[in-house]
Amino acid sequence: MLTGALFAVRQGTPTAAQCDPSVSPQAPQMTTAALSASSSSSKPPSGSPAAQAASAQEIKEPQPASVTTSKTSENLLVTLRGPKAPGQSVYLSNRGNSIRQHQGILQEGFIQYGIDKYHDTDNPDGIINMGTSENKLCFDLLHRRVLQCSLICYFVFLSNTINIPSLITFEFFPLLQLTKPDMLYAEESLLQYSDWRGRRFLREEVAKFLSHYCRSPRPCLSLCLPCDGLINILLTYINTCVHALYVFFCVADAILIPTPFYGVITEDLGLYSEVKLFHVPLECETNGKESRPFHLTVEKLEQGLRRAKQEGLNVRAVILMNPHNPLAEIYTPQDMTAFLEFAKRNELHAIVDEVYMLTVFDESVTFHSVLGADRLPDPQRTHVMWGMSKDFAMSGIRIGTLYTENRDLVEALAQLGSFHGLPGTTQHQVAQLLKDRDWISEDFLPVNRRRLKAAHSYVTGELLSMGISYLNSPAAMYLWADFRKYLRESSFEEELSLWRCFLRHKVMLSCGQAFSCSTPGWFRIVFADQHHHLELDGIKNKKKQPPHTVPQG
């Protein structure tokens, strides 16, 4: 399917000019050499995005940091919303108007996808979503484990009602033996108010689950539930965990974050607080010092911190993602220890997002959680987040968990829990799922990894056949791909035009500026979808393409 959209793109490169009449046909052609899977050989863009973002002044230091209120973001917002952007409402405050008028690139793409969503039979000419990081490969596994329990209850009901022996029911319906009735359960207490940090039975299961899969050297209860269980707090998904952590920070504070990064963090900050994100740009180019593109080092964090202080900002924290979004890179234990030591030296809170920790499909690579470390450099300032949506392909189950040894933080977050509490019945279902270690380790995770690997192999093969480079990473459900050769010029406006061109061809991707990438032309491609969705090239452009096969993982 992606190949079909690019086939039309390649017919008259540069495509952005064809799809967007606002792009001048006289714009100079940018020549970009192909980037290998581990290095870049093309020339750097003529202008840094941070320079476009922060001000019109000439900035001498390369890649100065930008904050969420950059002029680039404002200009792109106008471009995105155009004349349809809502005006100021007399019924709302300035803050209310700002929230109402906000729409980022990721939001706009998802809205258009929602209006014209692809369906195999109902809307075969709709938009295929390769931009939202969702795993659509394992519904059958989840259906057997989570949903078909109603079927077993129905047959149990029949056996009791019309005197069919239970033995006969289970002998003649072997499918029922795959299902688990433990998910259908409701007692009075589950429908009532409870501890806003999460019910104890679920916090205990989450603690055991993470202690096992993070290979913690400490007993699970002493790690996560000492005495009164203050260490583990559950909230409505990771986004809530992120902005809830801002109880540490004041309006004048800032948080270091390497770019590119998961774009919705900007909304987590901008819509709920006025804490600034201070960017630490990672370059796509390699040089004498760099062995691979977008490589995060302690030196870059130190440089970013110095620049922030020079601008008068009070940096209080650093955000680290492992595995990374959108780079899909896995940092080694030595890398993470060095980053945490940097945070300790500078008395920064380290907010560690490990939401993809089990989504590693290369069996030769091992993910190491910071919870598995023998010693944390600064336990009181290290806070780890995890959620159900990625590792369990359940993005609709909005549950996130925050682990910290800082009791003051947990007590502060508990005051916010009533705004982000979880339904009791949902907590029960998730607890039952997490305690089913056999199903997780022997059924779900192996099959999920094989399917992710097969989908990754197929999409990367298609990209390579078209000469499109990407970062070859062993984890997550997306690729970070280099489309710079399709830009007429190295600008974010041109990148946005190419992004719109994909949408016109019914393909939704996520462009680099949505992740605050410092170089135009990079896109995130989500490959965790059914194979027939990934190969819809002929349908999308009414042009027949050779059939493809997915390598078996």
Protein backbone atom coordinates (compact mmCIF):
# COMPACT_ATOMS: atom_id res chain seq x y z
CA MET A 1 0.00 0.00 0.00
CA LEU A 2 2.78 2.42 0.88
CA THR A 3 4.56 1.40 -2.29
CA GLY A 4 1.50 2.32 -4.31
CA ALA A 5 1.44 5.83 -2.91
CA LEU A 6 5.15 6.24 -3.52
CA PHE A 7 4.79 4.86 -7.02
CA ALA A 8 2.62 7.85 -7.90
CA VAL A 9 5.02 10.10 -6.00
CA ARG A 10 7.97 8.89 -8.05
CA GLN A 11 6.19 9.42 -11.36
CA GLY A 12 6.92 13.11 -11.13
CA THR A 13 9.33 13.80 -8.33
CA PRO A 14 9.24 16.15 -6.50
CA THR A 15 5.76 15.16 -5.51
CA ALA A 16 5.08 17.90 -3.01
CA ALA A 17 4.91 20.44 -5.79
CA GLN A 18 2.41 18.29 -7.67
CA CYS A 19 0.17 17.80 -4.67
CA ASP A 20 0.38 21.30 -3.24
CA PRO A 21 0.01 24.21 -5.65
CA SER A 22 1.48 26.57 -3.08
CA VAL A 23 4.93 25.05 -3.69
CA SER A 24 6.83 26.97 -6.34
CA PRO A 25 7.83 24.85 -9.36
CA GLN A 26 10.98 26.96 -9.65
CA ALA A 27 12.23 25.86 -6.24
CA PRO A 28 15.70 24.29 -6.45
CA GLN A 29 15.91 20.50 -6.48
CA MET A 30 17.65 19.07 -3.43
CA THR A 31 19.87 16.12 -4.19
CA THR A 32 20.16 13.65 -1.34
CA ALA A 33 22.36 10.59 -1.41
CA ALA A 34 20.86 7.42 -0.03
CA LEU A 35 21.33 6.85 3.67
CA SER A 36 22.42 3.41 4.74
CA ALA A 37 20.67 1.63 7.52
CA SER A 38 23.28 2.84 9.98
CA SER A 39 24.78 6.03 8.55
CA SER A 40 24.06 9.13 6.48
CA SER A 41 26.07 10.43 3.55
CA SER A 42 23.88 13.29 2.37
CA LYS A 43 24.63 16.95 2.90
CA PRO A 44 23.00 18.67 5.87
CA PRO A 45 19.99 20.87 5.16
CA SER A 46 20.63 24.49 4.44
CA GLY A 47 18.67 25.77 7.42
CA SER A 48 18.24 24.35 10.87
CA PRO A 49 14.65 23.85 12.02
CA ALA A 50 15.39 25.37 15.38
CA ALA A 51 16.37 28.53 13.58
CA GLN A 52 13.02 28.39 11.82
CA ALA A 53 11.32 27.65 15.11
CA ALA A 54 12.66 30.06 17.66
CA SER A 55 13.14 33.43 15.99
CA ALA A 56 14.01 35.28 12.82
CA GLN A 57 17.43 36.19 14.19
CA GLU A 58 20.54 34.56 12.82
CA ILE A 59 21.73 32.03 15.35
CA LYS A 60 25.39 31.18 15.36
CA GLU A 61 25.35 28.10 17.54
CA PRO A 62 24.13 25.05 15.60
CA GLN A 63 20.73 23.63 16.48
CA PRO A 64 19.67 25.97 19.29
CA ALA A 65 16.98 24.60 21.53
CA SER A 66 13.38 25.44 20.89
CA VAL A 67 10.33 25.40 23.12
CA THR A 68 6.76 24.44 22.49
CA THR A 69 5.65 27.98 21.73
CA SER A 70 8.00 28.33 18.74
CA LYS A 71 7.05 30.45 15.77
CA THR A 72 7.43 27.47 13.49
CA SER A 73 4.72 25.63 15.40
CA GLU A 74 2.47 28.67 15.26
CA ASN A 75 3.00 29.12 11.52
CA LEU A 76 2.43 25.43 10.83
CA LEU A 77 -0.72 25.54 12.91
CA VAL A 78 -2.04 28.31 10.69
CA THR A 79 -1.06 26.24 7.65
CA LEU A 80 -2.82 23.19 9.02
CA ARG A 81 -6.07 24.81 10.08
CA GLY A 82 -6.14 27.45 7.31
CA PRO A 83 -9.32 29.56 7.02
CA LYS A 84 -11.28 26.92 8.95
CA ALA A 85 -9.40 27.63 12.16
CA PRO A 86 -11.84 28.72 14.90
CA GLY A 87 -11.64 32.32 15.97
CA GLN A 88 -11.56 33.73 19.45
CA SER A 89 -14.63 32.85 21.52
CA VAL A 90 -16.01 35.46 23.94
CA TYR A 91 -17.18 32.60 26.13
CA LEU A 92 -13.69 31.23 26.75
CA SER A 93 -10.62 32.51 28.53
CA ASN A 94 -7.37 33.02 26.66
CA ARG A 95 -6.26 29.60 27.86
CA GLY A 96 -9.57 28.06 26.76
CA ASN A 97 -9.26 29.63 23.32
CA SER A 98 -5.69 28.42 23.02
CA ILE A 99 -6.74 24.84 23.79
CA ARG A 100 -9.75 25.04 21.44
CA GLN A 101 -7.67 26.34 18.57
CA HIS A 102 -4.84 23.88 19.01
CA GLN A 103 -4.42 21.16 16.43
CA GLY A 104 -1.09 19.56 15.71
CA ILE A 105 -0.13 17.53 12.67
CA LEU A 106 -0.76 14.19 14.38
CA GLN A 107 -4.22 15.34 15.40
CA GLU A 108 -5.10 16.62 11.94
CA GLY A 109 -4.02 13.39 10.30
CA PHE A 110 -6.01 11.28 12.74
CA ILE A 111 -9.12 13.43 12.23
CA GLN A 112 -8.92 12.98 8.46
CA TYR A 113 -8.37 9.27 8.93
CA GLY A 114 -11.43 9.07 11.19
CA ILE A 115 -13.58 10.72 8.52
CA ASP A 116 -12.38 8.42 5.72
CA LYS A 117 -11.18 5.28 7.51
CA TYR A 118 -10.29 2.30 5.35
CA HIS A 119 -12.47 -0.79 5.66
CA ASP A 120 -12.06 -3.99 3.65
CA THR A 121 -15.67 -3.96 2.43
CA ASP A 122 -17.40 -0.77 3.59
CA ASN A 123 -14.74 1.71 2.47
CA PRO A 124 -12.01 0.02 0.38
CA ASP A 125 -10.84 3.41 -0.97
CA GLY A 126 -10.39 4.92 2.47
CA ILE A 127 -7.24 6.02 4.26
CA ILE A 128 -4.84 3.39 5.58
CA ASN A 129 -3.39 4.49 8.90
CA MET A 130 0.37 3.96 9.01
CA GLY A 131 0.84 6.99 11.23
CA THR A 132 -0.72 6.03 14.56
CA SER A 133 1.39 3.68 16.65
CA GLU A 134 -1.08 0.84 17.14
CA ASN A 135 -0.48 -2.88 16.92
CA LYS A 136 -3.20 -4.43 14.75
CA LEU A 137 -1.57 -7.83 14.41
CA CYS A 138 -2.80 -9.69 17.50
CA PHE A 139 -6.53 -9.16 17.87
CA ASP A 140 -7.14 -12.87 17.36
CA LEU A 141 -4.95 -13.71 20.35
CA LEU A 142 -6.63 -11.11 22.53
CA HIS A 143 -10.06 -12.16 21.33
CA ARG A 144 -9.50 -15.74 22.47
CA ARG A 145 -8.08 -14.66 25.82
CA VAL A 146 -10.22 -11.65 26.67
CA LEU A 147 -13.47 -11.60 24.74
CA GLN A 148 -14.64 -15.14 24.08
CA CYS A 149 -15.07 -15.79 27.78
CA SER A 150 -18.70 -14.80 27.24
CA LEU A 151 -19.08 -17.89 25.03
CA ILE A 152 -17.93 -20.26 27.71
CA CYS A 153 -20.30 -18.66 30.20
CA TYR A 154 -23.14 -19.11 27.70
CA PHE A 155 -22.49 -22.85 27.36
CA VAL A 156 -22.16 -23.23 31.11
CA PHE A 157 -25.53 -21.52 31.35
CA LEU A 158 -26.98 -23.97 28.79
CA SER A 159 -25.59 -26.98 30.59
CA ASN A 160 -27.16 -25.85 33.84
CA THR A 161 -30.46 -24.83 32.23
CA ILE A 162 -31.24 -27.78 29.97
CA ASN A 163 -29.28 -30.41 31.87
CA ILE A 164 -26.43 -30.86 29.37
CA PRO A 165 -23.57 -32.42 31.33
CA SER A 166 -20.58 -30.11 31.63
CA LEU A 167 -18.31 -32.93 30.48
CA ILE A 168 -20.19 -33.18 27.17
CA THR A 169 -20.08 -29.42 26.74
CA PHE A 170 -16.32 -29.27 27.04
CA GLU A 171 -15.66 -32.45 25.07
CA PHE A 172 -17.64 -31.31 22.05
CA PHE A 173 -16.61 -27.67 22.13
CA PRO A 174 -12.80 -27.71 22.33
CA LEU A 175 -12.69 -24.03 21.38
CA LEU A 176 -14.17 -23.26 24.77
CA GLN A 177 -11.14 -24.70 26.48
CA LEU A 178 -9.07 -21.86 24.99
CA THR A 179 -11.19 -19.27 26.71
CA LYS A 180 -11.01 -18.01 30.27
CA PRO A 181 -14.12 -17.10 32.27
CA ASP A 182 -12.08 -15.07 34.75
CA MET A 183 -12.57 -11.88 32.73
CA LEU A 184 -16.33 -11.74 33.29
CA TYR A 185 -16.61 -10.75 36.90
CA ALA A 186 -18.26 -7.97 38.84
CA GLU A 187 -18.77 -7.56 42.53
CA GLU A 188 -20.20 -4.63 44.40
CA SER A 189 -16.84 -3.20 45.41
CA LEU A 190 -15.70 -2.95 41.78
CA LEU A 191 -18.56 -0.57 41.09
CA GLN A 192 -17.74 1.74 43.98
CA TYR A 193 -15.09 4.34 44.77
CA SER A 194 -11.72 2.97 45.78
CA ASP A 195 -8.11 3.94 46.29
CA TRP A 196 -7.41 6.47 43.53
CA ARG A 197 -3.88 5.16 43.17
CA GLY A 198 -5.37 1.98 41.76
CA ARG A 199 -6.86 -1.04 43.52
CA ARG A 200 -4.36 -2.97 45.52
CA PHE A 201 -4.93 -6.26 43.66
CA LEU A 202 -4.01 -4.62 40.36
CA ARG A 203 -1.03 -2.73 41.80
CA GLU A 204 0.26 -6.03 43.15
CA GLU A 205 -0.13 -7.76 39.78
CA VAL A 206 1.54 -4.88 37.94
CA ALA A 207 4.40 -4.99 40.45
CA LYS A 208 4.88 -8.74 39.97
CA PHE A 209 4.57 -8.45 36.21
CA LEU A 210 7.14 -5.68 35.83
CA SER A 211 9.48 -7.22 38.37
CA HIS A 212 9.45 -10.44 36.35
CA TYR A 213 9.78 -8.98 32.85
CA CYS A 214 12.17 -6.21 33.91
CA ARG A 215 14.29 -8.86 35.68
CA SER A 216 14.47 -6.86 38.86
CA PRO A 217 17.14 -8.05 41.29
CA ARG A 218 14.90 -7.12 44.22
CA PRO A 219 11.78 -8.96 45.44
CA CYS A 220 8.74 -7.59 43.65
CA LEU A 221 6.90 -6.45 46.77
CA SER A 222 9.87 -4.60 48.23
CA LEU A 223 10.43 -3.00 44.83
CA CYS A 224 6.92 -1.79 44.22
CA LEU A 225 4.76 -2.21 47.29
CA PRO A 226 6.65 -1.51 50.51
CA CYS A 227 4.29 -1.45 53.49
CA ASP A 228 1.34 0.54 52.19
CA GLY A 229 2.04 0.22 48.46
CA LEU A 230 2.97 3.83 47.84
CA ILE A 231 5.52 3.04 45.18
CA ASN A 232 3.11 1.99 42.45
CA ILE A 233 0.39 4.33 41.19
CA LEU A 234 -2.00 3.62 38.32
CA LEU A 235 -3.57 6.32 36.16
CA THR A 236 -5.52 6.58 32.93
CA TYR A 237 -2.68 5.86 30.55
CA ILE A 238 0.82 7.20 30.02
CA ASN A 239 -0.24 10.70 28.96
CA THR A 240 -1.78 11.19 32.37
CA CYS A 241 1.38 9.91 34.04
CA VAL A 242 3.43 12.45 32.07
CA HIS A 243 1.43 15.54 32.87
CA ALA A 244 0.77 14.37 36.42
CA LEU A 245 4.53 14.37 36.97
CA TYR A 246 4.50 18.11 36.41
CA VAL A 247 3.44 18.53 40.03
CA PHE A 248 7.20 18.75 40.50
CA PHE A 249 7.51 21.78 38.28
CA CYS A 250 6.52 25.43 38.14
CA VAL A 251 5.58 27.56 35.14
CA ALA A 252 9.11 28.93 34.81
CA ASP A 253 10.68 25.46 34.77
CA ALA A 254 11.86 23.51 31.75
CA ILE A 255 12.42 19.87 30.84
CA LEU A 256 15.24 18.61 28.63
CA ILE A 257 14.12 16.30 25.84
CA PRO A 258 16.17 14.92 22.93
CA THR A 259 14.60 15.40 19.51
CA PRO A 260 12.93 13.77 17.68
CA PHE A 261 10.49 12.61 20.35
CA TYR A 262 6.94 11.32 20.67
CA GLY A 263 4.96 14.35 19.55
CA VAL A 264 2.01 14.13 21.92
CA ILE A 265 4.33 15.01 24.81
CA THR A 266 4.05 18.56 23.50
CA GLU A 267 0.29 18.43 24.05
CA ASP A 268 0.76 16.81 27.46
CA LEU A 269 2.72 19.90 28.44
CA GLY A 270 1.00 22.64 26.48
CA LEU A 271 -2.60 21.75 27.25
CA TYR A 272 -2.13 20.99 30.95
CA SER A 273 0.69 23.25 32.05
CA GLU A 274 3.08 25.89 30.87
CA VAL A 275 6.24 23.96 31.57
CA LYS A 276 8.61 24.31 28.63
CA LEU A 277 10.28 21.57 26.64
CA PHE A 278 13.89 22.44 25.88
CA HIS A 279 15.03 20.53 22.82
CA VAL A 280 18.32 18.67 22.52
CA PRO A 281 18.52 18.06 18.73
CA LEU A 282 19.97 14.78 17.51
CA GLU A 283 21.52 15.01 14.05
CA CYS A 284 20.80 12.62 11.20
CA GLU A 285 24.29 13.17 9.78
CA THR A 286 27.35 11.23 10.84
CA ASN A 287 30.84 12.67 11.20
CA GLY A 288 34.14 11.79 12.80
CA LYS A 289 32.58 11.63 16.26
CA GLU A 290 29.27 10.02 15.36
CA SER A 291 29.08 6.38 14.36
CA ARG A 292 25.32 6.41 13.76
CA PRO A 293 22.60 8.98 13.06
CA PHE A 294 20.34 10.42 15.79
CA HIS A 295 22.75 9.20 18.44
CA LEU A 296 22.09 10.44 21.98
CA THR A 297 25.12 11.01 24.19
CA VAL A 298 25.75 12.51 27.61
CA GLU A 299 27.79 15.24 25.90
CA LYS A 300 24.72 16.36 23.95
CA LEU A 301 22.63 16.42 27.12
CA GLU A 302 25.32 18.50 28.83
CA GLN A 303 25.39 20.94 25.90
CA GLY A 304 21.62 21.24 25.95
CA LEU A 305 21.61 21.92 29.67
CA ARG A 306 24.22 24.65 29.27
CA ARG A 307 22.22 26.34 26.51
CA ALA A 308 19.08 26.23 28.62
CA LYS A 309 20.86 27.89 31.54
CA GLN A 310 22.27 30.54 29.21
CA GLU A 311 18.70 31.34 28.19
CA GLY A 312 17.75 31.74 31.84
CA LEU A 313 15.68 28.56 32.11
CA ASN A 314 15.46 26.46 35.25
CA VAL A 315 15.77 22.89 34.01
CA ARG A 316 14.24 20.42 36.44
CA ALA A 317 14.05 17.13 34.52
CA VAL A 318 15.05 15.12 31.48
CA ILE A 319 12.75 12.78 29.52
CA LEU A 320 14.25 9.51 28.25
CA MET A 321 12.44 6.96 26.06
CA ASN A 322 13.66 3.38 25.84
CA PRO A 323 12.85 1.84 23.39
CA HIS A 324 12.72 5.18 21.64
CA ASN A 325 9.78 6.75 19.86
CA PRO A 326 10.09 7.44 16.91
CA LEU A 327 13.65 6.10 16.42
CA ALA A 328 12.85 2.60 17.78
CA GLU A 329 16.38 2.50 19.21
CA ILE A 330 17.16 0.45 22.30
CA TYR A 331 19.68 2.02 24.65
CA THR A 332 22.13 -0.26 26.39
CA PRO A 333 22.36 -0.53 30.18
CA GLN A 334 25.61 1.44 29.95
CA ASP A 335 23.85 4.20 27.98
CA MET A 336 20.99 4.44 30.44
CA THR A 337 23.31 4.43 33.45
CA ALA A 338 25.29 7.28 31.90
CA PHE A 339 22.11 9.28 31.25
CA LEU A 340 20.91 8.70 34.81
CA GLU A 341 24.32 9.70 36.20
CA PHE A 342 24.05 12.92 34.18
CA ALA A 343 20.65 13.57 35.75
CA LYS A 344 22.03 12.92 39.23
CA ARG A 345 25.01 15.26 38.76
CA ASN A 346 22.67 18.05 37.78
CA GLU A 347 19.90 17.19 40.27
CA LEU A 348 17.42 16.52 37.48
CA HIS A 349 14.44 14.20 37.66
CA ALA A 350 14.75 11.39 35.08
CA ILE A 351 11.36 10.53 33.56
CA VAL A 352 11.90 7.18 31.83
CA ASP A 353 9.27 5.98 29.34
CA GLU A 354 9.49 2.21 28.81
CA VAL A 355 6.11 1.71 27.18
CA TYR A 356 7.60 -0.48 24.38
CA MET A 357 9.76 -2.64 26.64
CA LEU A 358 8.29 -5.99 25.48
CA THR A 359 7.87 -4.96 21.84
CA VAL A 360 11.29 -6.23 20.77
CA PHE A 361 11.06 -8.57 17.77
CA ASP A 362 14.78 -9.23 17.13
CA GLU A 363 15.69 -12.24 19.25
CA SER A 364 19.38 -11.27 19.16
CA VAL A 365 18.64 -8.05 21.06
CA THR A 366 17.73 -7.80 24.74
CA PHE A 367 15.99 -4.85 26.33
CA HIS A 368 17.22 -3.85 29.79
CA SER A 369 14.84 -1.90 31.98
CA VAL A 370 16.17 0.57 34.51
CA LEU A 371 14.06 -1.37 37.03
CA GLY A 372 16.42 -4.27 36.42
CA ALA A 373 19.50 -2.31 37.43
CA ASP A 374 21.32 -3.39 40.56
CA ARG A 375 21.49 0.23 41.64
CA LEU A 376 19.90 3.45 40.43
CA PRO A 377 22.15 6.52 40.61
CA ASP A 378 19.36 8.64 42.10
CA PRO A 379 16.30 6.55 43.06
CA GLN A 380 14.36 9.53 44.45
CA ARG A 381 14.54 11.32 41.11
CA THR A 382 14.04 8.34 38.78
CA HIS A 383 10.47 7.66 37.65
CA VAL A 384 9.53 4.86 35.23
CA MET A 385 6.37 4.74 33.13
CA TRP A 386 4.77 1.75 31.42
CA GLY A 387 1.33 1.03 29.95
CA MET A 388 -0.81 -1.67 28.34
CA SER A 389 -1.43 -0.16 24.91
CA LYS A 390 1.82 -1.01 23.09
CA ASP A 391 3.15 -4.22 24.59
CA PHE A 392 -0.31 -5.80 24.67
CA ALA A 393 -1.72 -4.29 21.45
CA MET A 394 -4.54 -2.76 23.50
CA SER A 395 -4.44 0.96 22.80
CA GLY A 396 -8.08 1.26 23.81
CA ILE A 397 -7.32 0.05 27.36
CA ARG A 398 -6.19 3.33 28.84
CA ILE A 399 -4.05 2.17 31.72
CA GLY A 400 -0.62 3.52 32.59
CA THR A 401 1.54 2.90 35.60
CA LEU A 402 4.19 5.01 37.25
CA TYR A 403 6.95 3.52 39.41
CA THR A 404 8.96 5.66 41.74
CA GLU A 405 10.61 5.40 45.12
CA ASN A 406 9.72 9.01 45.87
CA ARG A 407 6.89 8.92 48.40
CA ASP A 408 6.37 12.67 48.23
CA LEU A 409 5.59 12.34 44.53
CA VAL A 410 3.19 9.46 45.07
CA GLU A 411 1.35 11.38 47.78
CA ALA A 412 1.03 14.38 45.46
CA LEU A 413 -0.17 12.24 42.57
CA ALA A 414 -2.68 10.50 44.81
CA GLN A 415 -4.39 13.88 45.21
CA LEU A 416 -4.88 13.97 41.44
CA GLY A 417 -6.02 10.37 41.17
CA SER A 418 -9.71 11.19 41.46
CA PHE A 419 -9.49 13.00 38.12
CA HIS A 420 -7.88 10.03 36.38
CA GLY A 421 -9.26 6.95 38.11
CA LEU A 422 -9.80 3.62 36.39
CA PRO A 423 -13.07 1.62 36.32
CA GLY A 424 -13.02 -1.20 38.83
CA THR A 425 -14.13 -3.83 36.31
CA THR A 426 -11.33 -2.80 33.94
CA GLN A 427 -8.80 -3.07 36.73
CA HIS A 428 -10.04 -6.59 37.46
CA GLN A 429 -9.72 -7.67 33.81
CA VAL A 430 -6.22 -6.26 33.48
CA ALA A 431 -5.14 -7.96 36.70
CA GLN A 432 -6.40 -11.31 35.41
CA LEU A 433 -4.52 -10.80 32.16
CA LEU A 434 -1.24 -9.85 33.83
CA LYS A 435 -1.27 -12.81 36.19
CA ASP A 436 -1.69 -15.26 33.30
CA ARG A 437 2.06 -15.64 32.85
CA ASP A 438 1.75 -18.79 30.75
CA TRP A 439 -0.45 -17.09 28.16
CA ILE A 440 1.79 -14.01 28.05
CA SER A 441 5.12 -15.84 27.74
CA GLU A 442 4.12 -18.89 25.71
CA ASP A 443 1.32 -17.62 23.50
CA PHE A 444 1.05 -13.86 23.14
CA LEU A 445 4.62 -12.55 23.20
CA PRO A 446 6.21 -15.15 20.85
CA VAL A 447 3.43 -14.82 18.25
CA ASN A 448 3.41 -11.03 18.51
CA ARG A 449 7.16 -10.89 17.95
CA ARG A 450 7.03 -13.20 14.94
CA ARG A 451 4.28 -11.15 13.34
CA LEU A 452 6.04 -7.86 14.02
CA LYS A 453 9.26 -9.22 12.55
CA ALA A 454 7.46 -10.42 9.41
CA ALA A 455 5.71 -7.09 8.91
CA HIS A 456 8.96 -5.21 9.54
CA SER A 457 10.78 -7.39 6.98
CA TYR A 458 8.10 -6.81 4.37
CA VAL A 459 7.96 -3.02 4.73
CA THR A 460 11.74 -2.61 4.90
CA GLY A 461 12.07 -4.75 1.79
CA GLU A 462 9.64 -2.47 -0.04
CA LEU A 463 11.50 0.64 1.12
CA LEU A 464 14.86 -0.73 0.03
CA SER A 465 13.45 -1.67 -3.37
CA MET A 466 12.62 2.01 -3.85
CA GLY A 467 15.94 3.26 -2.52
CA ILE A 468 14.42 4.72 0.66
CA SER A 469 16.70 4.49 3.68
CA TYR A 470 15.62 3.92 7.25
CA LEU A 471 17.05 3.32 10.69
CA ASN A 472 17.35 -0.41 11.16
CA SER A 473 16.05 -0.92 14.68
CA PRO A 474 15.01 -4.12 16.48
CA ALA A 475 12.02 -2.87 18.45
CA ALA A 476 8.66 -1.11 18.50
CA MET A 477 6.16 -1.14 15.62
CA TYR A 478 7.41 1.65 13.37
CA LEU A 479 10.33 2.70 11.16
CA TRP A 480 12.09 6.05 10.96
CA ALA A 481 12.53 6.55 7.22
CA ASP A 482 14.38 9.12 5.14
CA PHE A 483 12.22 10.79 2.44
CA ARG A 484 14.50 13.80 1.95
CA LYS A 485 15.08 13.02 -1.71
CA TYR A 486 11.39 13.68 -2.35
CA LEU A 487 11.62 17.28 -1.10
CA ARG A 488 12.24 20.07 -3.61
CA GLU A 489 14.02 21.98 -0.87
CA SER A 490 15.00 21.27 2.70
CA SER A 491 12.16 22.94 4.57
CA PHE A 492 9.39 21.92 6.90
CA GLU A 493 6.82 23.52 4.61
CA GLU A 494 7.97 21.14 1.86
CA GLU A 495 7.83 18.22 4.29
CA LEU A 496 4.27 19.19 5.19
CA SER A 497 3.35 19.26 1.50
CA LEU A 498 4.73 15.74 1.06
CA TRP A 499 2.77 14.60 4.10
CA ARG A 500 -0.40 16.02 2.55
CA CYS A 501 0.45 14.25 -0.70
CA PHE A 502 0.49 10.91 1.11
CA LEU A 503 -2.92 11.73 2.58
CA ARG A 504 -4.25 12.51 -0.89
CA HIS A 505 -3.10 9.04 -1.91
CA LYS A 506 -4.95 7.61 1.10
CA VAL A 507 -1.86 6.89 3.17
CA MET A 508 -1.46 8.44 6.60
CA LEU A 509 2.12 8.69 7.84
CA SER A 510 3.65 10.89 10.54
CA CYS A 511 6.13 13.51 9.37
CA GLY A 512 9.25 14.46 11.29
CA GLN A 513 8.15 17.92 12.38
CA ALA A 514 5.35 16.29 14.40
CA PHE A 515 8.20 14.79 16.46
CA SER A 516 10.27 18.02 16.49
CA CYS A 517 12.90 16.44 14.25
CA SER A 518 15.74 18.85 13.53
CA THR A 519 15.96 17.94 9.83
CA PRO A 520 13.06 18.03 7.33
CA GLY A 521 12.18 14.91 5.37
CA TRP A 522 12.01 12.12 7.94
CA PHE A 523 8.78 10.15 8.43
CA ARG A 524 7.59 7.54 10.89
CA ILE A 525 5.96 4.49 9.25
CA VAL A 526 3.91 2.13 11.44
CA PHE A 527 4.12 -1.40 10.06
CA ALA A 528 2.15 -3.33 12.71
CA ASP A 529 -0.86 -3.97 10.49
CA GLN A 530 -2.37 -6.85 8.55
CA HIS A 531 -0.40 -7.84 5.47
CA HIS A 532 -3.23 -7.13 3.02
CA HIS A 533 -3.29 -3.54 4.29
CA LEU A 534 0.42 -3.14 3.68
CA GLU A 535 0.17 -4.40 0.10
CA LEU A 536 -2.78 -2.35 -1.15
CA ASP A 537 -0.64 -0.55 -3.70
CA GLY A 538 -2.78 -1.51 -6.68
CA ILE A 539 -6.01 -0.35 -5.05
CA LYS A 540 -4.62 2.96 -3.92
CA ASN A 541 -3.45 4.24 -7.27
CA LYS A 542 -5.32 2.04 -9.72
CA LYS A 543 -1.95 0.73 -10.90
CA LYS A 544 -1.08 -2.95 -10.73
CA GLN A 545 2.04 -3.77 -8.78
CA PRO A 546 3.85 -7.12 -8.56
CA PRO A 547 2.63 -9.27 -5.68
CA HIS A 548 4.81 -9.50 -2.60
CA THR A 549 5.23 -12.09 0.09
CA VAL A 550 5.95 -11.53 3.73
CA PRO A 551 9.04 -13.31 5.08
CA GLN A 552 8.10 -15.66 7.87
CA GLY A 553 9.40 -14.65 11.26
